Amino acid sequence: MIPSVSAVEVLAQESADSGLGVFLPLVLLFGLALAFALFSVLLGPLLGPSRYNKAKLSAYECGIEPSPQPLVGGGRMPIAYYVTAMLFILFDIEMVFLFPYAVSADFLGLWGVAAVSVFIATFFIADIYVWRRGGLDWN
């Protein structure tokens, strides 16, 4: 007597053989998230109120009346903000690269210490350059 095999068991066996069956829940979760996002974006304007007025369309700046924008140029931003943002990104990237070294310092040995020393020295040279050029002064 031959046992009957259902289609679900055959599909489960095929997906287990290919090794990709473990990713099926993840793919289904991403599909569900995409469907929910599309459903929310498309259904929101249809069901939401559409009573617009001047107060709802104006910019909100912490309860203060918005300042008028200049006619030409839109205003200039001080360069110190950009320099600070770039330095923050540099320090952040430095920490991201130093963390794996801290985790595997025993395994890397003396060559790892030399590589990290060169890496840190390069950053200190860049920091000294920015400091000497006045990039850290907020005048």
Protein backbone atom coordinates (compact mmCIF):
# COMPACT_ATOMS: atom_id res chain seq x y z
CA MET A 1 0.00 0.00 0.00
CA ILE A 2 1.45 3.38 -1.06
CA PRO A 3 0.98 6.25 1.40
CA SER A 4 -0.71 9.31 -0.05
CA VAL A 5 1.34 12.50 -0.16
CA SER A 6 -0.38 15.86 -0.16
CA ALA A 7 0.73 18.82 -2.29
CA VAL A 8 1.70 20.76 0.83
CA GLU A 9 4.09 18.02 1.91
CA VAL A 10 5.65 17.95 -1.55
CA LEU A 11 6.16 21.73 -1.55
CA ALA A 12 7.57 21.63 1.96
CA GLN A 13 9.99 18.87 0.95
CA GLU A 14 11.08 20.78 -2.18
CA SER A 15 11.65 24.00 -0.25
CA ALA A 16 13.58 22.12 2.45
CA ASP A 17 15.76 20.53 -0.20
CA SER A 18 16.60 23.86 -1.83
CA GLY A 19 17.53 25.52 1.47
CA LEU A 20 15.45 28.58 0.72
CA GLY A 21 12.45 27.46 2.76
CA VAL A 22 13.83 29.13 5.87
CA PHE A 23 13.42 32.51 4.20
CA LEU A 24 9.73 32.04 3.43
CA PRO A 25 8.49 33.62 6.70
CA LEU A 26 10.77 36.62 6.12
CA VAL A 27 9.51 37.10 2.56
CA LEU A 28 5.92 36.83 3.78
CA LEU A 29 6.60 39.38 6.51
CA PHE A 30 8.08 41.85 4.01
CA GLY A 31 5.11 41.30 1.70
CA LEU A 32 2.69 41.92 4.57
CA ALA A 33 4.56 45.09 5.56
CA LEU A 34 4.49 46.37 1.97
CA ALA A 35 0.78 45.62 1.65
CA PHE A 36 0.02 47.40 4.93
CA ALA A 37 2.09 50.44 3.89
CA LEU A 38 0.38 50.71 0.52
CA PHE A 39 -3.04 50.18 2.11
CA SER A 40 -2.38 52.94 4.67
CA VAL A 41 -1.04 55.43 2.14
CA LEU A 42 -3.84 54.89 -0.36
CA LEU A 43 -6.70 54.70 2.12
CA GLY A 44 -5.69 57.67 4.31
CA PRO A 45 -6.66 60.46 1.90
CA LEU A 46 -9.90 58.72 1.02
CA LEU A 47 -11.15 58.33 4.59
CA GLY A 48 -9.51 61.34 6.24
CA PRO A 49 -11.15 64.78 6.58
CA SER A 50 -10.50 67.21 3.77
CA ARG A 51 -11.37 70.49 5.46
CA TYR A 52 -8.39 72.71 4.71
CA ASN A 53 -7.92 76.24 5.98
CA LYS A 54 -5.11 78.78 6.20
CA ALA A 55 -4.01 77.70 9.70
CA LYS A 56 -3.61 74.06 8.70
CA LEU A 57 -1.58 74.90 5.61
CA SER A 58 0.82 77.35 7.34
CA ALA A 59 4.16 76.29 8.81
CA TYR A 60 4.25 75.69 12.56
CA GLU A 61 7.32 76.95 14.42
CA CYS A 62 6.74 76.13 18.10
CA GLY A 63 3.85 78.55 18.49
CA ILE A 64 5.80 81.49 17.04
CA GLU A 65 4.70 83.25 13.91
CA PRO A 66 6.88 82.05 11.03
CA SER A 67 9.49 84.58 10.03
CA PRO A 68 9.20 85.88 6.49
CA GLN A 69 11.64 84.48 3.97
CA PRO A 70 13.93 86.86 2.05
CA LEU A 71 12.98 87.53 -1.54
CA VAL A 72 16.29 86.31 -2.99
CA GLY A 73 18.43 83.34 -1.94
CA GLY A 74 16.30 81.89 0.86
CA GLY A 75 18.85 82.89 3.52
CA ARG A 76 22.36 81.64 4.12
CA MET A 77 23.32 79.00 6.61
CA PRO A 78 26.57 79.50 8.55
CA ILE A 79 29.32 77.14 7.40
CA ALA A 80 30.03 76.15 11.02
CA TYR A 81 26.92 73.95 11.00
CA TYR A 82 28.19 71.99 8.02
CA VAL A 83 31.70 71.63 9.49
CA THR A 84 30.24 70.37 12.77
CA ALA A 85 28.06 67.86 10.92
CA MET A 86 31.01 66.59 8.88
CA LEU A 87 33.20 66.23 11.98
CA PHE A 88 30.41 64.33 13.72
CA ILE A 89 30.17 61.97 10.74
CA LEU A 90 33.95 61.45 10.78
CA PHE A 91 33.99 60.62 14.49
CA ASP A 92 30.98 58.36 14.05
CA ILE A 93 32.67 56.45 11.23
CA GLU A 94 35.83 56.22 13.31
CA MET A 95 33.92 54.57 16.13
CA VAL A 96 32.20 52.19 13.71
CA PHE A 97 35.58 51.01 12.43
CA LEU A 98 37.19 50.81 15.88
CA PHE A 99 34.46 48.65 17.41
CA PRO A 100 35.30 45.47 15.43
CA TYR A 101 38.95 45.92 16.41
CA ALA A 102 37.99 46.18 20.08
CA VAL A 103 36.01 42.96 19.79
CA SER A 104 38.79 40.98 18.09
CA ALA A 105 41.92 42.64 19.51
CA ASP A 106 43.36 39.37 20.87
CA PHE A 107 43.00 37.61 17.54
CA LEU A 108 44.65 40.40 15.47
CA GLY A 109 47.76 40.68 17.62
CA LEU A 110 50.58 43.12 16.92
CA TRP A 111 49.59 43.72 13.28
CA GLY A 112 46.14 44.77 14.42
CA VAL A 113 47.62 47.24 16.91
CA ALA A 114 49.82 48.72 14.16
CA ALA A 115 46.89 49.05 11.73
CA VAL A 116 44.64 50.69 14.30
CA SER A 117 47.48 53.02 15.36
CA VAL A 118 47.89 54.20 11.76
CA PHE A 119 44.12 54.61 11.47
CA ILE A 120 43.88 56.70 14.67
CA ALA A 121 46.96 58.75 13.70
CA THR A 122 45.32 59.61 10.38
CA PHE A 123 42.25 60.87 12.19
CA PHE A 124 44.34 62.89 14.65
CA ILE A 125 46.18 64.54 11.77
CA ALA A 126 42.85 65.50 10.20
CA ASP A 127 41.54 66.78 13.54
CA ILE A 128 44.65 68.87 14.15
CA TYR A 129 44.32 70.30 10.63
CA VAL A 130 40.69 71.32 11.25
CA TRP A 131 41.58 72.78 14.64
CA ARG A 132 44.50 74.84 13.23
CA ARG A 133 42.37 76.14 10.37
CA GLY A 134 39.75 77.38 12.86
CA GLY A 135 37.03 74.91 11.94
CA LEU A 136 36.08 74.41 15.58
CA ASP A 137 35.75 78.12 16.45
CA TRP A 138 32.20 79.46 16.76
CA ASN A 139 32.70 83.20 16.20
